[in-house]
């Protein structure tokens, strides 16, 4: 029997959320159109554990848990011309896309946002936290899976109650103003004294002859 593997699988909650999986119980993970993500699904085994990740929301993060219950599932959406996941290259004789069936396990008591994962040392190497990583199906280690599940069982730390920082700033500002020395007023410049004009002696004009 193959060793159990662990995965993170992304879904936009507006399209299919952890609550939707809880309602239907089992769902094919169809609509994947990335060859690397398909490669990862082809490596899955029945019984592999899944972190159900909500993407394209604010904040994104892990909302619940699922489990792989069937592999090698044909993705029917590739043949549906009305589906946004239709692939005109695919035929029944030569299909391109396959997936796995996932089963609902649990909704985490506390949503594990990306920020919470970044703050957890055991999650530091997770692919989902890498800049620019948008792959919808990713492997995770057993330790990373356990760390996220533990975070989901723990309420996030709350921010300090009340506007503490504004009060501190106001107090510091008051102290600074009390210590400040009053600026000395500079005396207005004295007006320049006008020098008395010296009268020049009139020159005698010579008499015209």
N, C-alpha and C. Protein backbone atom coordinates (compact mmCIF):
# COMPACT_ATOMS: atom_id res chain seq x y z
N UNK A 1 0.85 -1.20 0.00
CA UNK A 1 0.00 0.00 0.00
C UNK A 1 0.88 1.24 0.00
N UNK A 2 0.54 2.20 -0.86
CA UNK A 2 1.33 3.42 -0.97
C UNK A 2 1.19 4.26 0.30
N UNK A 3 2.27 4.96 0.62
CA UNK A 3 2.22 5.85 1.78
C UNK A 3 1.23 6.98 1.53
N UNK A 4 0.58 7.40 2.59
CA UNK A 4 -0.39 8.48 2.47
C UNK A 4 0.33 9.77 2.10
N UNK A 5 -0.29 10.52 1.19
CA UNK A 5 0.25 11.80 0.76
C UNK A 5 -0.70 12.92 1.18
N UNK A 6 -0.18 14.15 1.10
CA UNK A 6 -0.95 15.31 1.55
C UNK A 6 -0.89 16.38 0.46
N UNK A 7 -2.03 17.06 0.30
CA UNK A 7 -2.16 18.01 -0.80
C UNK A 7 -2.91 19.26 -0.34
N UNK A 8 -2.70 20.33 -1.09
CA UNK A 8 -3.51 21.54 -0.96
C UNK A 8 -4.18 21.77 -2.29
N UNK A 9 -5.52 21.93 -2.27
CA UNK A 9 -6.27 22.10 -3.50
C UNK A 9 -7.11 23.37 -3.39
N UNK A 10 -6.97 24.23 -4.40
CA UNK A 10 -7.63 25.54 -4.38
C UNK A 10 -8.96 25.51 -5.12
N UNK A 11 -9.90 26.27 -4.57
CA UNK A 11 -11.19 26.45 -5.23
C UNK A 11 -11.72 27.83 -4.88
N UNK A 12 -12.31 28.51 -5.85
CA UNK A 12 -12.94 29.79 -5.57
C UNK A 12 -14.29 29.52 -4.90
N UNK A 13 -14.50 30.05 -3.69
CA UNK A 13 -15.74 29.73 -2.97
C UNK A 13 -17.01 30.16 -3.67
N UNK A 14 -16.93 31.18 -4.55
CA UNK A 14 -18.12 31.57 -5.30
C UNK A 14 -18.53 30.48 -6.28
N UNK A 15 -17.55 29.66 -6.68
CA UNK A 15 -17.84 28.59 -7.62
C UNK A 15 -18.10 27.26 -6.90
N UNK A 16 -17.23 26.94 -5.93
CA UNK A 16 -17.41 25.70 -5.16
C UNK A 16 -16.62 25.84 -3.87
N UNK A 17 -17.34 25.88 -2.75
CA UNK A 17 -16.73 26.12 -1.44
C UNK A 17 -16.72 24.86 -0.60
N UNK A 18 -16.11 24.96 0.58
CA UNK A 18 -16.12 23.84 1.51
C UNK A 18 -17.55 23.53 1.95
N UNK A 19 -18.40 24.53 2.02
CA UNK A 19 -19.81 24.29 2.37
C UNK A 19 -20.53 23.53 1.25
N UNK A 20 -20.15 23.82 0.01
CA UNK A 20 -20.74 23.07 -1.11
C UNK A 20 -20.32 21.61 -1.05
N UNK A 21 -19.04 21.37 -0.72
CA UNK A 21 -18.58 19.99 -0.62
C UNK A 21 -19.27 19.27 0.53
N UNK A 22 -19.51 19.99 1.65
CA UNK A 22 -20.23 19.39 2.77
C UNK A 22 -21.65 19.00 2.36
N UNK A 23 -22.23 19.78 1.45
CA UNK A 23 -23.60 19.50 1.01
C UNK A 23 -23.67 18.29 0.08
N UNK A 24 -22.71 18.19 -0.88
CA UNK A 24 -22.77 17.09 -1.86
C UNK A 24 -21.98 15.87 -1.41
N UNK A 25 -21.09 16.07 -0.42
CA UNK A 25 -20.27 15.01 0.18
C UNK A 25 -19.10 14.55 -0.70
N UNK A 26 -19.34 14.26 -1.97
CA UNK A 26 -18.28 13.82 -2.88
C UNK A 26 -18.41 14.59 -4.18
N UNK A 27 -17.27 15.05 -4.70
CA UNK A 27 -17.29 15.87 -5.93
C UNK A 27 -16.02 15.62 -6.74
N UNK A 28 -16.15 15.48 -8.07
CA UNK A 28 -14.94 15.41 -8.90
C UNK A 28 -14.24 16.77 -8.95
N UNK A 29 -12.92 16.76 -8.82
CA UNK A 29 -12.16 18.02 -8.84
C UNK A 29 -11.90 18.39 -10.30
N UNK A 30 -12.96 18.72 -10.99
CA UNK A 30 -12.90 18.98 -12.43
C UNK A 30 -12.58 20.45 -12.70
N UNK A 31 -12.31 20.75 -13.97
CA UNK A 31 -12.05 22.12 -14.37
C UNK A 31 -10.60 22.53 -14.29
N UNK A 32 -9.71 21.63 -13.87
CA UNK A 32 -8.28 21.96 -13.81
C UNK A 32 -7.72 21.94 -15.23
N UNK A 33 -7.09 23.05 -15.61
CA UNK A 33 -6.54 23.15 -16.96
C UNK A 33 -5.06 23.56 -16.93
N UNK A 34 -4.36 23.00 -15.98
CA UNK A 34 -2.92 23.22 -15.87
C UNK A 34 -2.27 21.83 -15.84
N UNK A 35 -1.27 21.63 -16.67
CA UNK A 35 -0.68 20.30 -16.80
C UNK A 35 0.07 19.87 -15.53
N UNK A 36 0.67 20.83 -14.82
CA UNK A 36 1.35 20.47 -13.58
C UNK A 36 0.35 20.05 -12.51
N UNK A 37 -0.78 20.77 -12.43
CA UNK A 37 -1.83 20.39 -11.49
C UNK A 37 -2.39 19.01 -11.85
N UNK A 38 -2.56 18.75 -13.14
CA UNK A 38 -3.03 17.42 -13.58
C UNK A 38 -2.01 16.35 -13.21
N UNK A 39 -0.72 16.67 -13.35
CA UNK A 39 0.34 15.74 -12.98
C UNK A 39 0.24 15.36 -11.50
N UNK A 40 0.00 16.36 -10.66
CA UNK A 40 -0.12 16.09 -9.22
C UNK A 40 -1.33 15.20 -8.94
N UNK A 41 -2.45 15.45 -9.60
CA UNK A 41 -3.63 14.62 -9.36
C UNK A 41 -3.40 13.18 -9.83
N UNK A 42 -2.60 13.01 -10.86
CA UNK A 42 -2.30 11.65 -11.34
C UNK A 42 -1.38 10.90 -10.37
N UNK A 43 -0.75 11.61 -9.47
CA UNK A 43 0.11 10.99 -8.46
C UNK A 43 -0.66 10.64 -7.19
N UNK A 44 -1.91 11.07 -7.11
CA UNK A 44 -2.68 10.85 -5.88
C UNK A 44 -3.13 9.41 -5.75
N UNK A 45 -3.37 9.03 -4.47
CA UNK A 45 -3.90 7.71 -4.14
C UNK A 45 -5.15 7.87 -3.29
N UNK A 46 -5.99 6.87 -3.33
CA UNK A 46 -7.18 6.87 -2.48
C UNK A 46 -6.71 6.92 -1.03
N UNK A 47 -7.30 7.83 -0.26
CA UNK A 47 -6.94 8.00 1.14
C UNK A 47 -6.03 9.18 1.40
N UNK A 48 -5.49 9.80 0.34
CA UNK A 48 -4.66 11.00 0.53
C UNK A 48 -5.51 12.11 1.15
N UNK A 49 -4.87 12.89 2.02
CA UNK A 49 -5.56 13.97 2.72
C UNK A 49 -5.38 15.30 2.00
N UNK A 50 -6.40 16.17 2.06
CA UNK A 50 -6.43 17.41 1.28
C UNK A 50 -6.77 18.60 2.18
N UNK A 51 -5.99 19.68 2.03
CA UNK A 51 -6.35 20.97 2.61
C UNK A 51 -7.19 21.71 1.58
N UNK A 52 -8.43 22.01 1.92
CA UNK A 52 -9.34 22.69 1.00
C UNK A 52 -9.13 24.19 1.15
N UNK A 53 -8.55 24.80 0.11
CA UNK A 53 -8.12 26.20 0.15
C UNK A 53 -9.08 27.07 -0.64
N UNK A 54 -9.57 28.14 -0.01
CA UNK A 54 -10.40 29.12 -0.72
C UNK A 54 -9.48 30.17 -1.34
N UNK A 55 -9.59 30.34 -2.65
CA UNK A 55 -8.76 31.30 -3.37
C UNK A 55 -9.61 32.41 -3.96
N UNK A 56 -8.95 33.47 -4.42
CA UNK A 56 -9.61 34.62 -5.04
C UNK A 56 -10.62 35.26 -4.09
N UNK A 57 -10.30 35.26 -2.81
CA UNK A 57 -11.11 35.94 -1.80
C UNK A 57 -10.16 36.73 -0.91
N UNK A 58 -10.72 37.57 -0.06
CA UNK A 58 -9.90 38.36 0.85
C UNK A 58 -10.38 38.13 2.29
N UNK A 59 -9.59 37.41 3.11
CA UNK A 59 -8.29 36.84 2.76
C UNK A 59 -8.44 35.43 2.21
N UNK A 60 -7.47 34.96 1.42
CA UNK A 60 -7.47 33.55 1.01
C UNK A 60 -6.93 32.68 2.14
N UNK A 61 -7.26 31.40 2.11
CA UNK A 61 -6.74 30.51 3.14
C UNK A 61 -7.46 29.17 3.15
N UNK A 62 -7.07 28.33 4.08
CA UNK A 62 -7.61 26.97 4.19
C UNK A 62 -8.89 27.02 5.02
N UNK A 63 -9.97 26.49 4.43
CA UNK A 63 -11.27 26.53 5.09
C UNK A 63 -11.70 25.18 5.65
N UNK A 64 -11.13 24.09 5.12
CA UNK A 64 -11.57 22.78 5.59
C UNK A 64 -10.68 21.67 5.09
N UNK A 65 -11.15 20.44 5.28
CA UNK A 65 -10.38 19.24 4.96
C UNK A 65 -11.20 18.32 4.06
N UNK A 66 -10.50 17.63 3.17
CA UNK A 66 -11.14 16.67 2.27
C UNK A 66 -10.23 15.46 2.14
N UNK A 67 -10.71 14.45 1.40
CA UNK A 67 -9.93 13.23 1.23
C UNK A 67 -10.18 12.68 -0.17
N UNK A 68 -9.13 12.16 -0.80
CA UNK A 68 -9.25 11.56 -2.13
C UNK A 68 -9.91 10.19 -1.99
N UNK A 69 -11.00 9.99 -2.74
CA UNK A 69 -11.72 8.70 -2.66
C UNK A 69 -11.75 7.95 -3.99
N UNK A 70 -11.32 8.61 -5.08
CA UNK A 70 -11.26 7.92 -6.37
C UNK A 70 -10.29 8.65 -7.26
N UNK A 71 -9.50 7.92 -8.01
CA UNK A 71 -8.52 8.52 -8.92
C UNK A 71 -8.84 8.13 -10.36
N UNK A 72 -8.18 8.82 -11.30
CA UNK A 72 -8.38 8.52 -12.71
C UNK A 72 -9.79 8.80 -13.19
N UNK A 73 -10.38 9.87 -12.69
CA UNK A 73 -11.76 10.24 -13.04
C UNK A 73 -11.74 11.11 -14.29
N UNK A 74 -12.55 10.75 -15.27
CA UNK A 74 -12.62 11.54 -16.50
C UNK A 74 -13.31 12.87 -16.21
N UNK A 75 -12.69 13.96 -16.64
CA UNK A 75 -13.26 15.30 -16.47
C UNK A 75 -14.27 15.54 -17.59
N UNK A 76 -15.53 15.43 -17.26
CA UNK A 76 -16.59 15.55 -18.26
C UNK A 76 -16.72 16.96 -18.81
N UNK A 77 -16.26 17.94 -18.08
CA UNK A 77 -16.40 19.33 -18.53
C UNK A 77 -15.61 19.62 -19.79
N UNK A 78 -14.60 18.82 -20.09
CA UNK A 78 -13.82 19.07 -21.30
C UNK A 78 -14.63 18.83 -22.57
N UNK A 79 -15.72 18.06 -22.45
CA UNK A 79 -16.56 17.76 -23.62
C UNK A 79 -17.78 18.66 -23.73
N UNK A 80 -18.04 19.44 -22.69
CA UNK A 80 -19.24 20.27 -22.63
C UNK A 80 -18.96 21.63 -23.28
N UNK A 81 -19.56 21.87 -24.42
CA UNK A 81 -19.30 23.11 -25.16
C UNK A 81 -19.84 24.33 -24.43
N UNK A 82 -20.78 24.15 -23.53
CA UNK A 82 -21.33 25.27 -22.77
C UNK A 82 -20.51 25.59 -21.52
N UNK A 83 -19.58 24.73 -21.20
CA UNK A 83 -18.78 24.92 -19.98
C UNK A 83 -17.57 25.82 -20.27
N UNK A 84 -17.20 26.68 -19.32
CA UNK A 84 -15.98 27.48 -19.50
C UNK A 84 -14.73 26.61 -19.50
N UNK A 85 -14.85 25.34 -19.12
CA UNK A 85 -13.71 24.43 -19.09
C UNK A 85 -13.71 23.48 -20.29
N UNK A 86 -14.54 23.79 -21.28
CA UNK A 86 -14.55 22.98 -22.50
C UNK A 86 -13.22 23.08 -23.23
N UNK A 87 -12.74 21.93 -23.71
CA UNK A 87 -11.49 21.90 -24.49
C UNK A 87 -11.81 21.29 -25.85
N UNK A 88 -11.80 22.09 -26.91
CA UNK A 88 -12.17 21.57 -28.23
C UNK A 88 -11.21 20.51 -28.77
N UNK A 89 -10.03 20.39 -28.18
CA UNK A 89 -9.08 19.38 -28.64
C UNK A 89 -9.42 17.99 -28.11
N UNK A 90 -10.21 17.93 -27.03
CA UNK A 90 -10.49 16.67 -26.37
C UNK A 90 -11.61 15.91 -27.07
N UNK A 91 -11.45 14.60 -27.17
CA UNK A 91 -12.49 13.73 -27.70
C UNK A 91 -12.67 12.55 -26.75
N UNK A 92 -13.77 11.84 -26.91
CA UNK A 92 -14.02 10.67 -26.07
C UNK A 92 -12.93 9.61 -26.29
N UNK A 93 -12.48 9.53 -27.53
CA UNK A 93 -11.44 8.54 -27.84
C UNK A 93 -10.08 8.97 -27.29
N UNK A 94 -9.86 10.28 -27.28
CA UNK A 94 -8.57 10.79 -26.80
C UNK A 94 -8.81 11.97 -25.84
N UNK A 95 -9.27 11.68 -24.63
CA UNK A 95 -9.49 12.76 -23.65
C UNK A 95 -8.15 13.33 -23.20
N UNK A 96 -8.20 14.57 -22.73
CA UNK A 96 -6.98 15.26 -22.28
C UNK A 96 -6.95 15.41 -20.76
N UNK A 97 -8.11 15.66 -20.18
CA UNK A 97 -8.15 16.03 -18.77
C UNK A 97 -8.83 14.97 -17.92
N UNK A 98 -8.17 14.61 -16.82
CA UNK A 98 -8.75 13.72 -15.83
C UNK A 98 -8.53 14.35 -14.45
N UNK A 99 -9.16 13.80 -13.44
CA UNK A 99 -9.10 14.40 -12.11
C UNK A 99 -9.29 13.33 -11.04
N UNK A 100 -9.66 13.74 -9.86
CA UNK A 100 -9.94 12.81 -8.75
C UNK A 100 -11.25 13.21 -8.10
N UNK A 101 -11.87 12.26 -7.42
CA UNK A 101 -13.03 12.56 -6.59
C UNK A 101 -12.54 12.85 -5.17
N UNK A 102 -13.06 13.94 -4.58
CA UNK A 102 -12.71 14.26 -3.19
C UNK A 102 -13.97 14.19 -2.33
N UNK A 103 -13.77 13.77 -1.10
CA UNK A 103 -14.86 13.60 -0.15
C UNK A 103 -14.70 14.60 0.99
N UNK A 104 -15.82 15.16 1.43
CA UNK A 104 -15.80 16.09 2.55
C UNK A 104 -15.36 15.38 3.83
N UNK A 105 -14.46 16.02 4.58
CA UNK A 105 -14.03 15.50 5.88
C UNK A 105 -14.50 16.42 7.00
N UNK A 106 -14.14 17.72 6.91
CA UNK A 106 -14.52 18.64 7.98
C UNK A 106 -14.30 20.08 7.53
N UNK A 107 -15.06 20.96 8.14
CA UNK A 107 -14.80 22.40 8.02
C UNK A 107 -14.03 22.81 9.27
N UNK A 108 -12.92 23.50 9.08
CA UNK A 108 -12.10 23.88 10.21
C UNK A 108 -12.85 24.84 11.14
N UNK A 109 -12.72 24.66 12.44
CA UNK A 109 -13.39 25.59 13.36
C UNK A 109 -12.99 27.04 13.16
N UNK A 110 -11.72 27.24 12.73
CA UNK A 110 -11.22 28.60 12.51
C UNK A 110 -10.50 28.65 11.16
N UNK A 111 -10.93 29.59 10.34
CA UNK A 111 -10.32 29.78 9.01
C UNK A 111 -8.83 30.09 9.17
N UNK A 112 -7.99 29.41 8.37
CA UNK A 112 -6.55 29.61 8.45
C UNK A 112 -6.12 30.47 7.26
N UNK A 113 -5.98 31.75 7.50
CA UNK A 113 -5.60 32.67 6.43
C UNK A 113 -4.13 32.50 6.05
N UNK A 114 -3.78 33.05 4.90
CA UNK A 114 -2.38 33.01 4.46
C UNK A 114 -1.47 33.71 5.45
N UNK A 115 -1.95 34.80 6.05
CA UNK A 115 -1.14 35.52 7.02
C UNK A 115 -0.85 34.66 8.25
N UNK A 116 -1.84 33.87 8.68
CA UNK A 116 -1.61 32.97 9.81
C UNK A 116 -0.59 31.91 9.46
N UNK A 117 -0.64 31.40 8.25
CA UNK A 117 0.33 30.40 7.83
C UNK A 117 1.74 30.99 7.74
N UNK A 118 1.83 32.23 7.25
CA UNK A 118 3.14 32.87 7.15
C UNK A 118 3.77 33.06 8.53
N UNK A 119 2.94 33.28 9.52
CA UNK A 119 3.44 33.51 10.87
C UNK A 119 3.81 32.22 11.59
N UNK A 120 3.49 31.08 11.00
CA UNK A 120 3.76 29.79 11.63
C UNK A 120 5.05 29.19 11.05
N UNK A 121 6.10 29.02 11.85
CA UNK A 121 7.38 28.50 11.33
C UNK A 121 7.24 27.16 10.62
N UNK A 122 6.34 26.29 11.09
CA UNK A 122 6.18 24.97 10.47
C UNK A 122 5.60 25.06 9.06
N UNK A 123 5.04 26.21 8.69
CA UNK A 123 4.44 26.38 7.36
C UNK A 123 5.33 27.21 6.43
N UNK A 124 6.49 27.60 6.88
CA UNK A 124 7.31 28.56 6.14
C UNK A 124 7.67 28.10 4.73
N UNK A 125 7.82 26.79 4.52
CA UNK A 125 8.25 26.29 3.22
C UNK A 125 7.09 25.87 2.31
N UNK A 126 5.86 26.13 2.72
CA UNK A 126 4.72 25.71 1.90
C UNK A 126 4.72 26.43 0.55
N UNK A 127 4.43 25.69 -0.50
CA UNK A 127 4.42 26.27 -1.85
C UNK A 127 3.41 27.39 -1.98
N UNK A 128 2.28 27.26 -1.32
CA UNK A 128 1.22 28.25 -1.46
C UNK A 128 1.66 29.63 -0.98
N UNK A 129 2.69 29.69 -0.14
CA UNK A 129 3.17 30.96 0.38
C UNK A 129 4.25 31.59 -0.50
N UNK A 130 4.69 30.87 -1.52
CA UNK A 130 5.71 31.42 -2.40
C UNK A 130 5.11 32.49 -3.31
N UNK A 131 5.86 33.55 -3.52
CA UNK A 131 5.39 34.64 -4.36
C UNK A 131 5.16 34.16 -5.80
N UNK A 132 4.00 34.49 -6.34
CA UNK A 132 3.70 34.12 -7.73
C UNK A 132 3.21 32.70 -7.91
N UNK A 133 3.09 31.93 -6.83
CA UNK A 133 2.64 30.53 -6.94
C UNK A 133 1.11 30.49 -7.02
N UNK A 134 0.58 30.11 -8.18
CA UNK A 134 -0.86 30.06 -8.38
C UNK A 134 -1.37 28.67 -8.72
N UNK A 135 -0.52 27.68 -8.60
CA UNK A 135 -0.91 26.32 -8.95
C UNK A 135 -2.08 25.87 -8.07
N UNK A 136 -3.11 25.31 -8.69
CA UNK A 136 -4.33 24.99 -7.95
C UNK A 136 -4.26 23.67 -7.19
N UNK A 137 -3.30 22.83 -7.53
CA UNK A 137 -3.10 21.56 -6.81
C UNK A 137 -1.63 21.47 -6.46
N UNK A 138 -1.33 21.40 -5.15
CA UNK A 138 0.05 21.44 -4.69
C UNK A 138 0.29 20.37 -3.63
N UNK A 139 1.48 19.78 -3.62
CA UNK A 139 1.80 18.85 -2.53
C UNK A 139 2.16 19.61 -1.27
N UNK A 140 1.86 19.03 -0.12
CA UNK A 140 2.31 19.54 1.18
C UNK A 140 2.88 18.36 1.95
N UNK A 141 3.71 18.64 2.93
CA UNK A 141 4.26 17.58 3.76
C UNK A 141 3.28 17.22 4.87
N UNK A 142 3.53 16.08 5.51
CA UNK A 142 2.69 15.68 6.63
C UNK A 142 2.78 16.68 7.76
N UNK A 143 3.99 17.26 7.97
CA UNK A 143 4.18 18.24 9.03
C UNK A 143 3.42 19.54 8.73
N UNK A 144 3.45 19.96 7.46
CA UNK A 144 2.72 21.18 7.07
C UNK A 144 1.21 20.97 7.21
N UNK A 145 0.74 19.80 6.79
CA UNK A 145 -0.68 19.49 6.92
C UNK A 145 -1.10 19.54 8.39
N UNK A 146 -0.31 18.92 9.26
CA UNK A 146 -0.64 18.90 10.69
C UNK A 146 -0.60 20.30 11.29
N UNK A 147 0.35 21.13 10.84
CA UNK A 147 0.45 22.49 11.36
C UNK A 147 -0.78 23.32 10.99
N UNK A 148 -1.27 23.17 9.75
CA UNK A 148 -2.44 23.93 9.32
C UNK A 148 -3.69 23.45 10.07
N UNK A 149 -3.80 22.14 10.26
CA UNK A 149 -4.94 21.61 11.01
C UNK A 149 -4.92 22.13 12.45
N UNK A 150 -3.72 22.21 13.04
CA UNK A 150 -3.60 22.74 14.40
C UNK A 150 -4.00 24.21 14.45
N UNK A 151 -3.60 24.98 13.44
CA UNK A 151 -4.00 26.39 13.38
C UNK A 151 -5.52 26.50 13.25
N UNK A 152 -6.11 25.61 12.48
CA UNK A 152 -7.55 25.65 12.29
C UNK A 152 -8.34 25.29 13.53
N UNK A 153 -7.67 24.67 14.50
CA UNK A 153 -8.32 24.33 15.76
C UNK A 153 -8.09 25.38 16.83
N UNK A 154 -7.34 26.42 16.48
CA UNK A 154 -6.97 27.47 17.44
C UNK A 154 -7.49 28.80 16.96
N UNK A 155 -8.20 29.54 17.79
CA UNK A 155 -8.68 30.87 17.34
C UNK A 155 -7.51 31.80 17.09
N UNK A 156 -7.60 32.64 16.07
CA UNK A 156 -6.51 33.59 15.81
C UNK A 156 -6.37 34.58 16.93
N UNK A 157 -5.15 35.05 17.13
CA UNK A 157 -4.89 36.04 18.18
C UNK A 157 -5.64 37.31 17.86
N UNK A 158 -6.26 37.89 18.88
CA UNK A 158 -7.04 39.11 18.69
C UNK A 158 -6.15 40.33 18.84
N UNK A 159 -6.47 41.38 18.12
CA UNK A 159 -5.75 42.64 18.23
C UNK A 159 -6.07 43.29 19.57
N UNK A 160 -5.17 44.08 20.16
CA UNK A 160 -5.44 44.76 21.44
C UNK A 160 -6.71 45.58 21.36
N UNK A 161 -7.54 45.49 22.41
CA UNK A 161 -8.81 46.21 22.41
C UNK A 161 -8.59 47.70 22.67
N UNK A 162 -9.38 48.54 22.01
CA UNK A 162 -9.32 49.98 22.25
C UNK A 162 -8.20 50.66 21.49
N UNK A 163 -8.33 51.96 21.31
CA UNK A 163 -7.32 52.73 20.58
C UNK A 163 -6.11 53.02 21.46
N UNK A 164 -5.32 51.96 21.76
CA UNK A 164 -4.18 52.13 22.66
C UNK A 164 -3.14 53.04 22.03
N UNK A 165 -2.83 52.77 20.78
CA UNK A 165 -1.77 53.54 20.13
C UNK A 165 -2.09 55.03 20.05
N UNK A 166 -3.31 55.45 19.70
CA UNK A 166 -3.60 56.89 19.70
C UNK A 166 -3.42 57.53 21.07
N UNK A 167 -3.79 56.79 22.16
CA UNK A 167 -3.61 57.36 23.49
C UNK A 167 -2.13 57.56 23.80
N UNK A 168 -1.31 56.59 23.41
CA UNK A 168 0.12 56.71 23.65
C UNK A 168 0.69 57.88 22.88
N UNK A 169 0.26 58.02 21.65
CA UNK A 169 0.76 59.14 20.84
C UNK A 169 0.35 60.47 21.43
N UNK A 170 -0.91 60.56 21.92
CA UNK A 170 -1.38 61.82 22.50
C UNK A 170 -0.58 62.17 23.74
N UNK A 171 -0.27 61.15 24.57
CA UNK A 171 0.49 61.40 25.79
C UNK A 171 1.90 61.87 25.46
N UNK A 172 2.53 61.21 24.49
CA UNK A 172 3.87 61.61 24.09
C UNK A 172 3.88 63.02 23.52
N UNK A 173 2.83 63.33 22.77
CA UNK A 173 2.76 64.67 22.18
C UNK A 173 2.60 65.73 23.26
N UNK A 174 1.79 65.42 24.32
CA UNK A 174 1.61 66.38 25.41
C UNK A 174 2.90 66.59 26.18
N UNK A 175 3.64 65.47 26.41
CA UNK A 175 4.91 65.59 27.11
C UNK A 175 5.91 66.40 26.31
N UNK A 176 5.92 66.17 25.02
CA UNK A 176 6.86 66.90 24.17
C UNK A 176 6.54 68.39 24.17
N UNK A 177 5.25 68.71 24.16
CA UNK A 177 4.87 70.12 24.10
C UNK A 177 5.18 70.83 25.42
N UNK A 178 5.10 70.07 26.57
CA UNK A 178 5.39 70.69 27.86
C UNK A 178 6.87 70.96 28.04
N UNK A 179 7.71 70.13 27.39
CA UNK A 179 9.15 70.31 27.51
C UNK A 179 9.70 71.30 26.49
N UNK A 180 8.93 71.62 25.53
CA UNK A 180 9.42 72.49 24.47
C UNK A 180 9.65 73.91 25.01
N UNK A 181 10.78 74.49 24.66
CA UNK A 181 11.09 75.85 25.09
C UNK A 181 10.35 76.85 24.21
N UNK A 182 9.78 77.89 24.86
CA UNK A 182 9.07 78.88 24.03
C UNK A 182 10.06 79.63 23.14
N UNK A 183 9.66 79.85 21.96
CA UNK A 183 10.53 80.57 21.03
C UNK A 183 10.60 82.05 21.44
N UNK A 184 11.82 82.59 21.42
CA UNK A 184 12.00 84.00 21.76
C UNK A 184 11.68 84.88 20.57
N UNK A 185 10.91 85.92 20.86
CA UNK A 185 10.54 86.83 19.77
C UNK A 185 11.73 87.72 19.44
N UNK A 186 12.04 87.78 18.20
CA UNK A 186 13.14 88.64 17.77
C UNK A 186 12.68 90.08 17.69
N UNK A 187 13.50 91.02 18.21
CA UNK A 187 13.10 92.44 18.13
C UNK A 187 13.02 92.90 16.69
N UNK A 188 12.08 93.74 16.46
CA UNK A 188 11.93 94.27 15.10
C UNK A 188 13.14 95.12 14.74
N UNK A 189 13.62 95.03 13.55
CA UNK A 189 14.80 95.81 13.13
C UNK A 189 14.52 97.32 13.24
N UNK A 190 15.55 98.04 13.74
CA UNK A 190 15.41 99.49 13.88
C UNK A 190 15.39 100.15 12.52
N UNK A 191 14.53 101.16 12.37
CA UNK A 191 14.51 101.84 11.06
C UNK A 191 15.81 102.60 10.82
N UNK A 192 16.26 102.54 9.63
CA UNK A 192 17.52 103.24 9.29
C UNK A 192 17.33 104.76 9.43
N UNK A 193 18.35 105.41 10.03
CA UNK A 193 18.30 106.86 10.20
C UNK A 193 18.65 107.57 8.90
N UNK A 194 17.80 108.50 8.59
CA UNK A 194 18.06 109.25 7.34
C UNK A 194 19.18 110.27 7.58
N UNK A 195 20.17 110.25 6.72
CA UNK A 195 21.28 111.21 6.83
C UNK A 195 20.84 112.57 6.27
N UNK A 196 21.13 113.65 7.03
CA UNK A 196 20.74 115.00 6.52
C UNK A 196 21.49 115.34 5.25
N UNK A 197 20.79 115.82 4.33
CA UNK A 197 21.43 116.18 3.05
C UNK A 197 22.25 117.45 3.23
N UNK A 198 23.44 117.43 2.73
CA UNK A 198 24.34 118.59 2.81
C UNK A 198 24.06 119.51 1.61
N UNK A 199 23.82 120.77 1.95
CA UNK A 199 23.55 121.73 0.87
C UNK A 199 24.86 122.13 0.20
N UNK A 200 24.87 121.99 -1.09
CA UNK A 200 26.07 122.39 -1.84
C UNK A 200 26.02 123.91 -2.08
N UNK A 201 27.21 124.62 -1.91
CA UNK A 201 27.23 126.08 -2.17
C UNK A 201 26.95 126.41 -3.61
N UNK A 202 26.13 127.37 -3.82
CA UNK A 202 25.78 127.74 -5.20
C UNK A 202 26.99 128.42 -5.87
N UNK A 203 27.24 127.99 -7.06
CA UNK A 203 28.34 128.57 -7.84
C UNK A 203 27.87 129.85 -8.55
N UNK A 204 28.74 130.87 -8.52
CA UNK A 204 28.38 132.14 -9.20
C UNK A 204 28.54 131.99 -10.67
N UNK A 205 27.49 132.29 -11.37
CA UNK A 205 27.55 132.21 -12.83
C UNK A 205 28.27 133.45 -13.38
N UNK A 206 29.19 133.30 -14.34
CA UNK A 206 29.86 134.50 -14.93
C UNK A 206 28.88 135.37 -15.69
N UNK A 207 29.10 136.67 -15.62
CA UNK A 207 28.20 137.59 -16.32
C UNK A 207 28.44 137.47 -17.82
N UNK A 208 27.35 137.45 -18.58
CA UNK A 208 27.44 137.42 -20.03
C UNK A 208 27.83 138.80 -20.56
N UNK A 209 28.69 138.77 -21.46
CA UNK A 209 29.14 140.04 -22.06
C UNK A 209 28.41 140.24 -23.36
